[in-house]
N, C-alpha and C. Protein backbone atom coordinates (compact mmCIF):
# COMPACT_ATOMS: atom_id res chain seq x y z
N MET A 1 12.85 -2.07 7.59
CA MET A 1 11.86 -1.08 8.23
C MET A 1 11.81 0.06 7.35
N PRO A 2 10.51 -0.03 6.51
CA PRO A 2 10.20 1.23 5.58
C PRO A 2 10.09 2.58 6.28
N PRO A 3 10.53 3.61 5.95
CA PRO A 3 10.38 4.94 6.43
C PRO A 3 8.87 5.29 6.05
N PHE A 4 8.38 6.13 6.79
CA PHE A 4 7.13 6.95 6.40
C PHE A 4 7.41 8.01 5.45
N GLY A 5 7.49 7.84 4.41
CA GLY A 5 7.74 8.79 3.34
C GLY A 5 7.64 8.28 1.69
N PRO A 6 8.09 8.95 0.76
CA PRO A 6 8.13 8.46 -0.64
C PRO A 6 8.30 7.12 -0.79
N ILE A 7 7.71 6.31 -1.54
CA ILE A 7 7.98 4.82 -1.62
C ILE A 7 7.77 4.28 -3.12
N LYS A 8 8.48 3.61 -3.50
CA LYS A 8 8.22 2.74 -4.88
C LYS A 8 6.97 1.93 -4.83
N ARG A 9 6.15 1.64 -5.94
CA ARG A 9 4.99 1.06 -5.93
C ARG A 9 5.19 -0.45 -5.47
N GLN A 10 6.43 -1.05 -6.06
CA GLN A 10 6.68 -2.34 -5.79
C GLN A 10 7.15 -2.60 -4.34
N GLU A 11 7.79 -1.72 -3.61
CA GLU A 11 7.96 -1.65 -2.20
C GLU A 11 6.72 -1.71 -1.40
N LEU A 12 5.69 -0.89 -1.96
CA LEU A 12 4.38 -1.01 -1.16
C LEU A 12 3.84 -2.33 -1.36
N ILE A 13 3.82 -2.69 -2.40
CA ILE A 13 3.09 -4.25 -2.71
C ILE A 13 3.85 -5.13 -1.72
N TYR A 14 5.15 -5.25 -1.77
CA TYR A 14 6.01 -6.29 -0.83
C TYR A 14 5.45 -5.98 0.47
N PHE A 15 5.63 -4.80 0.97
CA PHE A 15 5.32 -4.52 2.58
C PHE A 15 3.76 -4.90 2.71
N LEU A 16 2.88 -4.61 1.89
CA LEU A 16 1.42 -5.09 2.14
C LEU A 16 1.35 -6.45 2.16
N ARG A 17 2.02 -7.13 1.38
CA ARG A 17 1.99 -8.59 1.32
C ARG A 17 2.49 -9.25 2.37
N HIS A 18 3.50 -8.58 3.06
CA HIS A 18 4.00 -8.83 4.51
C HIS A 18 2.94 -8.65 5.47
N LEU A 19 2.21 -7.76 5.46
CA LEU A 19 1.13 -7.37 6.46
C LEU A 19 -0.12 -8.50 6.14
N GLY A 20 -0.08 -9.20 5.24
CA GLY A 20 -1.03 -10.18 4.99
C GLY A 20 -2.08 -9.88 3.86
N PHE A 21 -1.75 -9.00 3.02
CA PHE A 21 -2.57 -8.44 1.71
C PHE A 21 -2.28 -9.47 0.52
N ALA A 22 -3.27 -9.79 -0.18
CA ALA A 22 -3.16 -10.75 -1.26
C ALA A 22 -3.34 -9.71 -2.51
N GLY A 23 -2.57 -9.98 -3.64
CA GLY A 23 -2.68 -9.30 -4.88
C GLY A 23 -1.42 -8.94 -5.46
N PRO A 24 -1.53 -7.75 -6.19
CA PRO A 24 -2.66 -7.15 -6.54
C PRO A 24 -3.28 -7.73 -7.76
N TYR A 25 -4.65 -7.41 -7.76
CA TYR A 25 -5.71 -8.01 -8.66
C TYR A 25 -6.09 -6.57 -9.68
N ALA A 26 -6.48 -7.07 -10.91
CA ALA A 26 -6.81 -6.12 -11.88
C ALA A 26 -8.31 -5.82 -11.39
N GLY A 27 -8.77 -4.39 -11.64
CA GLY A 27 -10.13 -4.19 -11.23
C GLY A 27 -10.37 -2.75 -11.65
N GLY A 28 -11.06 -2.61 -12.53
CA GLY A 28 -11.46 -1.06 -12.92
C GLY A 28 -10.28 -0.46 -13.51
N LYS A 29 -10.23 0.88 -13.03
CA LYS A 29 -9.20 1.81 -13.36
C LYS A 29 -7.96 1.55 -12.37
N HIS A 30 -8.06 0.91 -11.45
CA HIS A 30 -6.96 0.87 -10.43
C HIS A 30 -6.93 -0.58 -9.80
N GLN A 31 -5.82 -1.12 -9.66
CA GLN A 31 -5.65 -2.47 -9.23
C GLN A 31 -6.03 -2.55 -7.61
N PHE A 32 -5.95 -3.66 -6.94
CA PHE A 32 -6.47 -3.51 -5.62
C PHE A 32 -5.61 -4.96 -4.99
N MET A 33 -5.91 -4.53 -3.70
CA MET A 33 -5.28 -5.86 -2.94
C MET A 33 -6.20 -6.37 -1.62
N VAL A 34 -6.19 -7.40 -1.39
CA VAL A 34 -7.33 -7.99 -0.48
C VAL A 34 -6.70 -8.55 0.67
N GLN A 35 -7.54 -8.28 1.93
CA GLN A 35 -7.08 -8.85 3.24
C GLN A 35 -8.39 -9.04 3.83
N GLY A 36 -8.91 -10.28 3.89
CA GLY A 36 -10.24 -10.52 4.49
C GLY A 36 -11.27 -9.72 3.50
N ASN A 37 -12.12 -8.93 4.39
CA ASN A 37 -13.29 -8.09 3.67
C ASN A 37 -12.65 -6.88 3.38
N LEU A 38 -11.58 -6.46 3.52
CA LEU A 38 -11.05 -5.21 3.14
C LEU A 38 -10.20 -5.17 1.74
N ARG A 39 -10.89 -4.33 1.03
CA ARG A 39 -10.44 -4.11 -0.50
C ARG A 39 -9.43 -2.84 -0.69
N LEU A 40 -8.34 -2.71 -0.87
CA LEU A 40 -7.28 -1.73 -0.80
C LEU A 40 -6.99 -1.36 -2.22
N ARG A 41 -7.45 -0.30 -2.72
CA ARG A 41 -6.80 0.23 -4.04
C ARG A 41 -5.48 0.83 -4.12
N ILE A 42 -4.73 0.43 -5.05
CA ILE A 42 -3.25 0.94 -4.89
C ILE A 42 -3.11 1.62 -6.13
N PRO A 43 -2.20 2.50 -6.13
CA PRO A 43 -2.04 3.48 -7.44
C PRO A 43 -1.49 2.60 -8.40
N ASN A 44 -1.67 3.28 -9.73
CA ASN A 44 -1.39 2.57 -10.97
C ASN A 44 0.32 2.82 -11.05
N PRO A 45 0.91 1.75 -11.94
CA PRO A 45 2.39 2.08 -12.13
C PRO A 45 2.80 3.41 -12.94
N HIS A 46 3.48 4.12 -12.32
CA HIS A 46 4.13 5.54 -12.80
C HIS A 46 5.68 5.41 -12.55
N HIS A 47 6.08 6.40 -13.08
CA HIS A 47 7.70 6.76 -13.19
C HIS A 47 7.87 7.29 -11.60
N SER A 48 7.15 7.70 -11.00
CA SER A 48 7.70 8.40 -9.73
C SER A 48 7.27 7.69 -8.38
N ASP A 49 7.86 8.02 -7.25
CA ASP A 49 7.38 7.50 -6.21
C ASP A 49 6.01 7.80 -5.79
N ILE A 50 5.50 7.00 -4.80
CA ILE A 50 4.14 7.29 -4.13
C ILE A 50 4.41 8.39 -3.15
N SER A 51 3.86 9.38 -2.93
CA SER A 51 4.01 10.60 -2.01
C SER A 51 3.90 9.95 -0.71
N ARG A 52 4.36 10.82 0.33
CA ARG A 52 4.02 10.62 1.60
C ARG A 52 2.48 10.71 2.02
N GLN A 53 2.10 11.61 1.35
CA GLN A 53 0.49 12.13 1.63
C GLN A 53 -0.28 10.71 1.03
N LEU A 54 -0.26 10.34 -0.05
CA LEU A 54 -0.95 9.06 -0.69
C LEU A 54 -0.47 7.90 0.20
N LEU A 55 0.69 7.79 0.43
CA LEU A 55 1.12 6.60 1.50
C LEU A 55 0.40 6.81 2.80
N GLY A 56 0.18 7.85 3.33
CA GLY A 56 -0.65 8.00 4.56
C GLY A 56 -2.20 7.69 4.28
N ALA A 57 -2.63 8.29 3.29
CA ALA A 57 -4.05 7.73 2.80
C ALA A 57 -4.42 6.26 2.69
N ILE A 58 -3.37 5.54 1.91
CA ILE A 58 -3.54 4.20 1.93
C ILE A 58 -3.44 3.39 3.17
N LEU A 59 -2.36 3.89 4.03
CA LEU A 59 -2.34 3.28 5.30
C LEU A 59 -3.64 3.50 6.08
N LYS A 60 -4.10 4.56 5.80
CA LYS A 60 -5.42 4.93 6.80
C LYS A 60 -6.56 3.98 6.42
N GLN A 61 -6.69 3.89 5.05
CA GLN A 61 -7.80 2.91 4.44
C GLN A 61 -7.45 1.48 5.01
N ALA A 62 -6.24 1.30 5.00
CA ALA A 62 -5.85 -0.25 5.31
C ALA A 62 -6.04 -0.32 6.91
N ASP A 63 -6.12 0.70 7.84
CA ASP A 63 -6.27 0.85 9.18
C ASP A 63 -4.76 0.21 9.48
N ILE A 64 -3.80 0.72 9.15
CA ILE A 64 -2.39 0.38 9.44
C ILE A 64 -1.99 1.56 10.22
N ASP A 65 -1.39 1.83 11.27
CA ASP A 65 -0.93 2.96 12.00
C ASP A 65 0.64 3.06 11.60
N ARG A 66 1.15 4.37 11.78
CA ARG A 66 2.40 4.71 11.10
C ARG A 66 3.49 3.89 12.09
N THR A 67 3.43 3.65 13.32
CA THR A 67 4.31 2.86 14.13
C THR A 67 4.33 1.39 13.55
N GLU A 68 3.36 0.97 13.12
CA GLU A 68 3.28 -0.45 12.65
C GLU A 68 3.90 -0.56 11.19
N TRP A 69 3.71 0.32 10.52
CA TRP A 69 4.52 0.64 9.13
C TRP A 69 5.59 0.49 9.35
N GLU A 70 6.21 1.40 10.13
CA GLU A 70 7.82 1.68 10.60
C GLU A 70 8.48 0.38 11.15
N ASN A 71 7.66 -0.27 11.89
CA ASN A 71 8.20 -1.41 12.66
C ASN A 71 8.36 -2.85 11.64
N LEU A 72 7.75 -2.79 10.51
CA LEU A 72 7.95 -3.93 9.74
C LEU A 72 9.48 -4.32 9.45
């Protein structure tokens, strides 16, 4: 069960794959993951965690609500 808070990029990818996303694929300045017609940009690798605000924006773009995320 991932908490809604700072998360490592690899953990984000792991949980998005668990939700049915494929990837990440290379594309332009950012990698992306795909689920059906939805193309979700993910942050580039860096040394710090993905912030709570950025995680919220990513989940909103993916149409994943907070309770669904926390119930994984």
